[in-house]
Amino acid sequence: MSSKKKNTGPVVFRDTAYTSRVLVLPDGRMLNVANGQVAVEASDNLARDYLGQHPDLQAQE
């Protein structure tokens, strides 16, 4: 058995500045922050990279 995690399911980021807002990705897609959180699929590299580099967002474990 492998102990590596697969890139499946959602990745959740906590918004430290707003409880509700819309984030627009470079490709034009919109992500909604609700209750101070936004989630994207683990396989969505563009969204994960964007959220991971955003100064107001922290990845949750």
C-alpha atoms as a PDB file:
ATOM      1  CA  MET A   1       0.000   0.000   0.000  1.00  0.00           C
ATOM      2  CA  SER A   2       1.129   3.487  -0.752  1.00  0.00           C
ATOM      3  CA  SER A   3       1.051   6.163   1.922  1.00  0.00           C
ATOM      4  CA  LYS A   4       0.986   9.006  -0.618  1.00  0.00           C
ATOM      5  CA  LYS A   5      -2.058  11.255  -0.695  1.00  0.00           C
ATOM      6  CA  LYS A   6      -3.956  11.432  -3.952  1.00  0.00           C
ATOM      7  CA  ASN A   7      -4.981  14.815  -5.347  1.00  0.00           C
ATOM      8  CA  THR A   8      -8.705  14.269  -4.955  1.00  0.00           C
ATOM      9  CA  GLY A   9     -11.451  16.057  -3.127  1.00  0.00           C
ATOM     10  CA  PRO A  10     -11.616  19.696  -2.134  1.00  0.00           C
ATOM     11  CA  VAL A  11      -8.834  21.894  -0.802  1.00  0.00           C
ATOM     12  CA  VAL A  12     -10.167  24.520   1.606  1.00  0.00           C
ATOM     13  CA  PHE A  13      -8.669  27.958   2.175  1.00  0.00           C
ATOM     14  CA  ARG A  14      -9.617  30.307   5.017  1.00  0.00           C
ATOM     15  CA  ASP A  15     -10.046  33.980   4.129  1.00  0.00           C
ATOM     16  CA  THR A  16      -8.468  36.074   6.883  1.00  0.00           C
ATOM     17  CA  ALA A  17      -9.854  39.382   5.593  1.00  0.00           C
ATOM     18  CA  TYR A  18     -13.443  38.757   4.442  1.00  0.00           C
ATOM     19  CA  THR A  19     -16.279  36.393   5.273  1.00  0.00           C
ATOM     20  CA  SER A  20     -17.876  36.877   1.853  1.00  0.00           C
ATOM     21  CA  ARG A  21     -16.438  37.990  -1.494  1.00  0.00           C
ATOM     22  CA  VAL A  22     -15.812  36.849  -5.056  1.00  0.00           C
ATOM     23  CA  LEU A  23     -12.303  36.076  -6.284  1.00  0.00           C
ATOM     24  CA  VAL A  24     -11.658  36.192 -10.042  1.00  0.00           C
ATOM     25  CA  LEU A  25      -9.022  33.799 -11.352  1.00  0.00           C
ATOM     26  CA  PRO A  26      -6.699  34.777 -14.228  1.00  0.00           C
ATOM     27  CA  ASP A  27      -8.742  32.587 -16.586  1.00  0.00           C
ATOM     28  CA  GLY A  28     -11.936  34.489 -15.699  1.00  0.00           C
ATOM     29  CA  ARG A  29     -13.515  31.905 -13.400  1.00  0.00           C
ATOM     30  CA  MET A  30     -15.045  33.191 -10.197  1.00  0.00           C
ATOM     31  CA  LEU A  31     -14.660  31.607  -6.771  1.00  0.00           C
ATOM     32  CA  ASN A  32     -17.059  32.512  -3.990  1.00  0.00           C
ATOM     33  CA  VAL A  33     -15.834  32.988  -0.446  1.00  0.00           C
ATOM     34  CA  ALA A  34     -18.628  32.071   1.972  1.00  0.00           C
ATOM     35  CA  ASN A  35     -18.396  31.989   5.756  1.00  0.00           C
ATOM     36  CA  GLY A  36     -14.739  32.936   5.425  1.00  0.00           C
ATOM     37  CA  GLN A  37     -13.850  29.888   3.321  1.00  0.00           C
ATOM     38  CA  VAL A  38     -13.367  28.936  -0.300  1.00  0.00           C
ATOM     39  CA  ALA A  39     -12.874  25.396  -1.620  1.00  0.00           C
ATOM     40  CA  VAL A  40     -11.469  24.123  -4.906  1.00  0.00           C
ATOM     41  CA  GLU A  41     -10.774  20.656  -6.259  1.00  0.00           C
ATOM     42  CA  ALA A  42      -7.269  19.390  -5.511  1.00  0.00           C
ATOM     43  CA  SER A  43      -6.789  18.753  -9.236  1.00  0.00           C
ATOM     44  CA  ASP A  44      -7.433  22.435 -10.109  1.00  0.00           C
ATOM     45  CA  ASN A  45      -3.822  23.603 -10.229  1.00  0.00           C
ATOM     46  CA  LEU A  46      -4.591  27.139 -11.414  1.00  0.00           C
ATOM     47  CA  ALA A  47      -7.051  27.810  -8.592  1.00  0.00           C
ATOM     48  CA  ARG A  48      -4.840  26.171  -5.956  1.00  0.00           C
ATOM     49  CA  ASP A  49      -1.818  28.208  -7.061  1.00  0.00           C
ATOM     50  CA  TYR A  50      -3.826  31.446  -7.120  1.00  0.00           C
ATOM     51  CA  LEU A  51      -5.313  30.860  -3.679  1.00  0.00           C
ATOM     52  CA  GLY A  52      -2.005  29.663  -2.254  1.00  0.00           C
ATOM     53  CA  GLN A  53      -0.278  32.890  -3.308  1.00  0.00           C
ATOM     54  CA  HIS A  54      -3.062  35.206  -2.135  1.00  0.00           C
ATOM     55  CA  PRO A  55      -1.959  37.143   0.979  1.00  0.00           C
ATOM     56  CA  ASP A  56      -5.392  36.929   2.663  1.00  0.00           C
ATOM     57  CA  LEU A  57      -5.869  33.167   2.244  1.00  0.00           C
ATOM     58  CA  GLN A  58      -4.509  30.280   4.297  1.00  0.00           C
ATOM     59  CA  ALA A  59      -4.747  26.618   3.277  1.00  0.00           C
ATOM     60  CA  GLN A  60      -6.541  24.471   5.856  1.00  0.00           C
ATOM     61  CA  GLU A  61      -5.468  20.934   6.677  1.00  0.00           C
END
